[in-house]
Amino acid sequence: MGKGDKKTPKGKRFAGSHGNARPRKPSATKVVAAAPKAAKATKTAAKPAVAKAPAKTVIKKAAPPAK
């Protein structure tokens, strides 16, 4: 692993490239996200919530008597 290995930071510095091992510095200017678009109206009505069945109870059997 040295100057010829582009997977290491040292190799990336030698090659003058960037990547996971050598990320670029964050830019000073931040990109402002555009305003979110309004959601499209759907033609179908919202589905009603489905009631779930209650959880089953587990009954443990008594341990067999020791011999």
PDB file of N, CA and C in Angstrom:
ATOM      1  N   MET A   1       0.839  -1.166   0.000  1.00  0.00           N
ATOM      2  CA  MET A   1       0.000   0.000   0.000  1.00  0.00           C
ATOM      3  C   MET A   1       0.888   1.233   0.000  1.00  0.00           C
ATOM      4  N   GLY A   2       0.880   1.918  -1.085  1.00  0.00           N
ATOM      5  CA  GLY A   2       1.723   3.096  -1.176  1.00  0.00           C
ATOM      6  C   GLY A   2       1.144   4.085  -2.152  1.00  0.00           C
ATOM      7  N   LYS A   3       2.019   4.736  -2.874  1.00  0.00           N
ATOM      8  CA  LYS A   3       1.585   5.786  -3.795  1.00  0.00           C
ATOM      9  C   LYS A   3       0.757   5.250  -4.948  1.00  0.00           C
ATOM     10  N   GLY A   4       0.984   4.008  -5.329  1.00  0.00           N
ATOM     11  CA  GLY A   4       0.260   3.461  -6.471  1.00  0.00           C
ATOM     12  C   GLY A   4      -1.102   2.912  -6.134  1.00  0.00           C
ATOM     13  N   ASP A   5      -1.445   2.812  -4.835  1.00  0.00           N
ATOM     14  CA  ASP A   5      -2.725   2.235  -4.420  1.00  0.00           C
ATOM     15  C   ASP A   5      -3.763   3.347  -4.313  1.00  0.00           C
ATOM     16  N   LYS A   6      -4.665   3.404  -5.270  1.00  0.00           N
ATOM     17  CA  LYS A   6      -5.654   4.487  -5.291  1.00  0.00           C
ATOM     18  C   LYS A   6      -6.763   4.313  -4.262  1.00  0.00           C
ATOM     19  N   LYS A   7      -6.730   3.207  -3.497  1.00  0.00           N
ATOM     20  CA  LYS A   7      -7.761   2.988  -2.482  1.00  0.00           C
ATOM     21  C   LYS A   7      -7.376   3.599  -1.139  1.00  0.00           C
ATOM     22  N   THR A   8      -6.146   4.083  -1.009  1.00  0.00           N
ATOM     23  CA  THR A   8      -5.696   4.676   0.242  1.00  0.00           C
ATOM     24  C   THR A   8      -5.585   6.192   0.090  1.00  0.00           C
ATOM     25  N   PRO A   9      -5.654   6.916   1.206  1.00  0.00           N
ATOM     26  CA  PRO A   9      -5.518   8.378   1.124  1.00  0.00           C
ATOM     27  C   PRO A   9      -4.192   8.810   0.509  1.00  0.00           C
ATOM     28  N   LYS A  10      -3.104   8.095   0.821  1.00  0.00           N
ATOM     29  CA  LYS A  10      -1.790   8.454   0.269  1.00  0.00           C
ATOM     30  C   LYS A  10      -1.785   8.278  -1.246  1.00  0.00           C
ATOM     31  N   GLY A  11      -2.372   7.184  -1.724  1.00  0.00           N
ATOM     32  CA  GLY A  11      -2.439   6.957  -3.158  1.00  0.00           C
ATOM     33  C   GLY A  11      -3.327   7.970  -3.849  1.00  0.00           C
ATOM     34  N   LYS A  12      -4.387   8.388  -3.175  1.00  0.00           N
ATOM     35  CA  LYS A  12      -5.287   9.388  -3.757  1.00  0.00           C
ATOM     36  C   LYS A  12      -4.600  10.751  -3.826  1.00  0.00           C
ATOM     37  N   ARG A  13      -3.790  11.086  -2.803  1.00  0.00           N
ATOM     38  CA  ARG A  13      -3.045  12.341  -2.847  1.00  0.00           C
ATOM     39  C   ARG A  13      -2.048  12.323  -4.000  1.00  0.00           C
ATOM     40  N   PHE A  14      -1.376  11.193  -4.193  1.00  0.00           N
ATOM     41  CA  PHE A  14      -0.396  11.072  -5.276  1.00  0.00           C
ATOM     42  C   PHE A  14      -1.071  11.184  -6.639  1.00  0.00           C
ATOM     43  N   ALA A  15      -2.253  10.550  -6.771  1.00  0.00           N
ATOM     44  CA  ALA A  15      -2.963  10.570  -8.053  1.00  0.00           C
ATOM     45  C   ALA A  15      -3.754  11.860  -8.236  1.00  0.00           C
ATOM     46  N   GLY A  16      -3.980  12.589  -7.134  1.00  0.00           N
ATOM     47  CA  GLY A  16      -4.739  13.835  -7.230  1.00  0.00           C
ATOM     48  C   GLY A  16      -6.231  13.607  -7.412  1.00  0.00           C
ATOM     49  N   SER A  17      -6.720  12.512  -6.856  1.00  0.00           N
ATOM     50  CA  SER A  17      -8.148  12.227  -6.986  1.00  0.00           C
ATOM     51  C   SER A  17      -8.805  12.240  -5.619  1.00  0.00           C
ATOM     52  N   HIS A  18     -10.107  12.118  -5.603  1.00  0.00           N
ATOM     53  CA  HIS A  18     -10.883  12.118  -4.363  1.00  0.00           C
ATOM     54  C   HIS A  18     -11.800  10.911  -4.376  1.00  0.00           C
ATOM     55  N   GLY A  19     -12.326  10.557  -3.200  1.00  0.00           N
ATOM     56  CA  GLY A  19     -13.238   9.430  -3.090  1.00  0.00           C
ATOM     57  C   GLY A  19     -13.540   9.151  -1.631  1.00  0.00           C
ATOM     58  N   ASN A  20     -13.921   7.912  -1.316  1.00  0.00           N
ATOM     59  CA  ASN A  20     -14.272   7.557   0.057  1.00  0.00           C
ATOM     60  C   ASN A  20     -13.079   7.695   0.998  1.00  0.00           C
ATOM     61  N   ALA A  21     -11.902   7.309   0.560  1.00  0.00           N
ATOM     62  CA  ALA A  21     -10.720   7.392   1.402  1.00  0.00           C
ATOM     63  C   ALA A  21     -10.229   8.826   1.552  1.00  0.00           C
ATOM     64  N   ARG A  22     -10.552   9.689   0.593  1.00  0.00           N
ATOM     65  CA  ARG A  22     -10.110  11.085   0.625  1.00  0.00           C
ATOM     66  C   ARG A  22     -11.234  11.976   0.118  1.00  0.00           C
ATOM     67  N   PRO A  23     -12.223  12.246   0.972  1.00  0.00           N
ATOM     68  CA  PRO A  23     -13.345  13.071   0.524  1.00  0.00           C
ATOM     69  C   PRO A  23     -12.938  14.525   0.361  1.00  0.00           C
ATOM     70  N   ARG A  24     -13.673  15.239  -0.439  1.00  0.00           N
ATOM     71  CA  ARG A  24     -13.419  16.671  -0.640  1.00  0.00           C
ATOM     72  C   ARG A  24     -13.912  17.435   0.583  1.00  0.00           C
ATOM     73  N   LYS A  25     -13.343  18.608   0.793  1.00  0.00           N
ATOM     74  CA  LYS A  25     -13.794  19.445   1.897  1.00  0.00           C
ATOM     75  C   LYS A  25     -15.199  19.944   1.593  1.00  0.00           C
ATOM     76  N   PRO A  26     -16.044  20.093   2.618  1.00  0.00           N
ATOM     77  CA  PRO A  26     -17.381  20.633   2.349  1.00  0.00           C
ATOM     78  C   PRO A  26     -17.278  22.066   1.856  1.00  0.00           C
ATOM     79  N   SER A  27     -18.108  22.418   0.903  1.00  0.00           N
ATOM     80  CA  SER A  27     -18.057  23.754   0.328  1.00  0.00           C
ATOM     81  C   SER A  27     -18.566  24.780   1.329  1.00  0.00           C
ATOM     82  N   ALA A  28     -18.058  26.001   1.213  1.00  0.00           N
ATOM     83  CA  ALA A  28     -18.442  27.069   2.134  1.00  0.00           C
ATOM     84  C   ALA A  28     -19.871  27.533   1.867  1.00  0.00           C
ATOM     85  N   THR A  29     -20.301  27.457   0.619  1.00  0.00           N
ATOM     86  CA  THR A  29     -21.656  27.876   0.298  1.00  0.00           C
ATOM     87  C   THR A  29     -22.565  26.670   0.334  1.00  0.00           C
ATOM     88  N   LYS A  30     -23.702  26.859   0.958  1.00  0.00           N
ATOM     89  CA  LYS A  30     -24.665  25.773   1.052  1.00  0.00           C
ATOM     90  C   LYS A  30     -25.712  25.951  -0.038  1.00  0.00           C
ATOM     91  N   VAL A  31     -26.134  24.854  -0.595  1.00  0.00           N
ATOM     92  CA  VAL A  31     -27.160  24.885  -1.624  1.00  0.00           C
ATOM     93  C   VAL A  31     -28.514  24.884  -0.923  1.00  0.00           C
ATOM     94  N   VAL A  32     -29.341  25.849  -1.255  1.00  0.00           N
ATOM     95  CA  VAL A  32     -30.656  25.956  -0.648  1.00  0.00           C
ATOM     96  C   VAL A  32     -31.611  25.077  -1.440  1.00  0.00           C
ATOM     97  N   ALA A  33     -32.309  24.208  -0.731  1.00  0.00           N
ATOM     98  CA  ALA A  33     -33.243  23.303  -1.390  1.00  0.00           C
ATOM     99  C   ALA A  33     -34.457  24.088  -1.870  1.00  0.00           C
ATOM    100  N   ALA A  34     -34.989  23.676  -2.995  1.00  0.00           N
ATOM    101  CA  ALA A  34     -36.182  24.318  -3.536  1.00  0.00           C
ATOM    102  C   ALA A  34     -37.376  23.994  -2.649  1.00  0.00           C
ATOM    103  N   ALA A  35     -38.366  24.842  -2.691  1.00  0.00           N
ATOM    104  CA  ALA A  35     -39.555  24.631  -1.890  1.00  0.00           C
ATOM    105  C   ALA A  35     -40.232  23.337  -2.342  1.00  0.00           C
ATOM    106  N   PRO A  36     -40.719  22.537  -1.397  1.00  0.00           N
ATOM    107  CA  PRO A  36     -41.361  21.279  -1.780  1.00  0.00           C
ATOM    108  C   PRO A  36     -42.638  21.541  -2.566  1.00  0.00           C
ATOM    109  N   LYS A  37     -42.856  20.706  -3.558  1.00  0.00           N
ATOM    110  CA  LYS A  37     -44.051  20.847  -4.380  1.00  0.00           C
ATOM    111  C   LYS A  37     -45.264  20.323  -3.623  1.00  0.00           C
ATOM    112  N   ALA A  38     -46.415  20.854  -3.962  1.00  0.00           N
ATOM    113  CA  ALA A  38     -47.647  20.402  -3.319  1.00  0.00           C
ATOM    114  C   ALA A  38     -47.940  18.971  -3.756  1.00  0.00           C
ATOM    115  N   ALA A  39     -48.441  18.186  -2.827  1.00  0.00           N
ATOM    116  CA  ALA A  39     -48.743  16.789  -3.131  1.00  0.00           C
ATOM    117  C   ALA A  39     -49.949  16.718  -4.066  1.00  0.00           C
ATOM    118  N   LYS A  40     -49.870  15.777  -4.983  1.00  0.00           N
ATOM    119  CA  LYS A  40     -50.978  15.617  -5.916  1.00  0.00           C
ATOM    120  C   LYS A  40     -52.182  15.015  -5.194  1.00  0.00           C
ATOM    121  N   ALA A  41     -53.350  15.452  -5.585  1.00  0.00           N
ATOM    122  CA  ALA A  41     -54.568  14.895  -5.003  1.00  0.00           C
ATOM    123  C   ALA A  41     -54.800  13.522  -5.603  1.00  0.00           C
ATOM    124  N   THR A  42     -55.075  12.564  -4.756  1.00  0.00           N
ATOM    125  CA  THR A  42     -55.314  11.212  -5.250  1.00  0.00           C
ATOM    126  C   THR A  42     -56.800  11.012  -5.482  1.00  0.00           C
ATOM    127  N   LYS A  43     -57.107  10.188  -6.452  1.00  0.00           N
ATOM    128  CA  LYS A  43     -58.502   9.932  -6.783  1.00  0.00           C
ATOM    129  C   LYS A  43     -59.130   8.926  -5.833  1.00  0.00           C
ATOM    130  N   THR A  44     -58.330   8.025  -5.289  1.00  0.00           N
ATOM    131  CA  THR A  44     -58.872   7.003  -4.391  1.00  0.00           C
ATOM    132  C   THR A  44     -58.888   7.534  -2.971  1.00  0.00           C
ATOM    133  N   ALA A  45     -59.862   7.109  -2.215  1.00  0.00           N
ATOM    134  CA  ALA A  45     -59.978   7.528  -0.829  1.00  0.00           C
ATOM    135  C   ALA A  45     -58.955   6.763   0.004  1.00  0.00           C
ATOM    136  N   ALA A  46     -58.604   7.327   1.133  1.00  0.00           N
ATOM    137  CA  ALA A  46     -57.653   6.674   2.015  1.00  0.00           C
ATOM    138  C   ALA A  46     -58.259   5.397   2.565  1.00  0.00           C
ATOM    139  N   LYS A  47     -57.428   4.372   2.680  1.00  0.00           N
ATOM    140  CA  LYS A  47     -57.917   3.095   3.185  1.00  0.00           C
ATOM    141  C   LYS A  47     -58.134   3.187   4.689  1.00  0.00           C
ATOM    142  N   PRO A  48     -59.223   2.604   5.201  1.00  0.00           N
ATOM    143  CA  PRO A  48     -59.442   2.633   6.648  1.00  0.00           C
ATOM    144  C   PRO A  48     -58.442   1.712   7.348  1.00  0.00           C
ATOM    145  N   ALA A  49     -58.149   2.038   8.576  1.00  0.00           N
ATOM    146  CA  ALA A  49     -57.202   1.239   9.340  1.00  0.00           C
ATOM    147  C   ALA A  49     -57.811  -0.113   9.658  1.00  0.00           C
ATOM    148  N   VAL A  50     -57.017  -1.150   9.548  1.00  0.00           N
ATOM    149  CA  VAL A  50     -57.486  -2.505   9.806  1.00  0.00           C
ATOM    150  C   VAL A  50     -57.145  -2.856  11.242  1.00  0.00           C
ATOM    151  N   ALA A  51     -58.131  -3.347  11.991  1.00  0.00           N
ATOM    152  CA  ALA A  51     -57.906  -3.726  13.377  1.00  0.00           C
ATOM    153  C   ALA A  51     -57.139  -5.040  13.414  1.00  0.00           C
ATOM    154  N   LYS A  52     -56.117  -5.100  14.241  1.00  0.00           N
ATOM    155  CA  LYS A  52     -55.318  -6.314  14.355  1.00  0.00           C
ATOM    156  C   LYS A  52     -55.941  -7.238  15.390  1.00  0.00           C
ATOM    157  N   ALA A  53     -55.745  -8.541  15.182  1.00  0.00           N
ATOM    158  CA  ALA A  53     -56.238  -9.537  16.134  1.00  0.00           C
ATOM    159  C   ALA A  53     -55.392  -9.458  17.395  1.00  0.00           C
ATOM    160  N   PRO A  54     -55.998  -9.710  18.564  1.00  0.00           N
ATOM    161  CA  PRO A  54     -55.208  -9.657  19.795  1.00  0.00           C
ATOM    162  C   PRO A  54     -54.149 -10.765  19.802  1.00  0.00           C
ATOM    163  N   ALA A  55     -53.072 -10.521  20.486  1.00  0.00           N
ATOM    164  CA  ALA A  55     -51.985 -11.492  20.555  1.00  0.00           C
ATOM    165  C   ALA A  55     -52.432 -12.723  21.313  1.00  0.00           C
ATOM    166  N   LYS A  56     -51.966 -13.884  20.877  1.00  0.00           N
ATOM    167  CA  LYS A  56     -52.332 -15.132  21.536  1.00  0.00           C
ATOM    168  C   LYS A  56     -51.545 -15.276  22.821  1.00  0.00           C
ATOM    169  N   THR A  57     -52.198 -15.857  23.840  1.00  0.00           N
ATOM    170  CA  THR A  57     -51.510 -16.090  25.100  1.00  0.00           C
ATOM    171  C   THR A  57     -50.920 -17.492  25.088  1.00  0.00           C
ATOM    172  N   VAL A  58     -49.730 -17.623  25.631  1.00  0.00           N
ATOM    173  CA  VAL A  58     -49.045 -18.909  25.663  1.00  0.00           C
ATOM    174  C   VAL A  58     -49.125 -19.447  27.076  1.00  0.00           C
ATOM    175  N   ILE A  59     -49.601 -20.690  27.201  1.00  0.00           N
ATOM    176  CA  ILE A  59     -49.715 -21.331  28.508  1.00  0.00           C
ATOM    177  C   ILE A  59     -48.621 -22.385  28.586  1.00  0.00           C
ATOM    178  N   LYS A  60     -47.748 -22.250  29.575  1.00  0.00           N
ATOM    179  CA  LYS A  60     -46.657 -23.207  29.737  1.00  0.00           C
ATOM    180  C   LYS A  60     -47.144 -24.410  30.540  1.00  0.00           C
ATOM    181  N   LYS A  61     -46.683 -25.586  30.112  1.00  0.00           N
ATOM    182  CA  LYS A  61     -47.048 -26.811  30.840  1.00  0.00           C
ATOM    183  C   LYS A  61     -46.110 -26.970  32.026  1.00  0.00           C
ATOM    184  N   ALA A  62     -46.607 -27.662  33.055  1.00  0.00           N
ATOM    185  CA  ALA A  62     -45.789 -27.891  34.247  1.00  0.00           C
ATOM    186  C   ALA A  62     -44.661 -28.845  33.889  1.00  0.00           C
ATOM    187  N   ALA A  63     -43.514 -28.680  34.532  1.00  0.00           N
ATOM    188  CA  ALA A  63     -42.363 -29.530  34.286  1.00  0.00           C
ATOM    189  C   ALA A  63     -42.651 -30.938  34.821  1.00  0.00           C
ATOM    190  N   PRO A  64     -42.151 -31.982  34.169  1.00  0.00           N
ATOM    191  CA  PRO A  64     -42.397 -33.338  34.664  1.00  0.00           C
ATOM    192  C   PRO A  64     -41.689 -33.544  36.000  1.00  0.00           C
ATOM    193  N   PRO A  65     -42.235 -34.414  36.854  1.00  0.00           N
ATOM    194  CA  PRO A  65     -41.618 -34.625  38.174  1.00  0.00           C
ATOM    195  C   PRO A  65     -40.232 -35.239  38.028  1.00  0.00           C
ATOM    196  N   ALA A  66     -39.327 -34.871  38.941  1.00  0.00           N
ATOM    197  CA  ALA A  66     -37.964 -35.383  38.921  1.00  0.00           C
ATOM    198  C   ALA A  66     -37.940 -36.825  39.402  1.00  0.00           C
ATOM    199  N   LYS A  67     -37.073 -37.639  38.851  1.00  0.00           N
ATOM    200  CA  LYS A  67     -37.003 -39.051  39.242  1.00  0.00           C
ATOM    201  C   LYS A  67     -35.952 -39.266  40.268  1.00  0.00           C
TER     202      LYS A  67
END
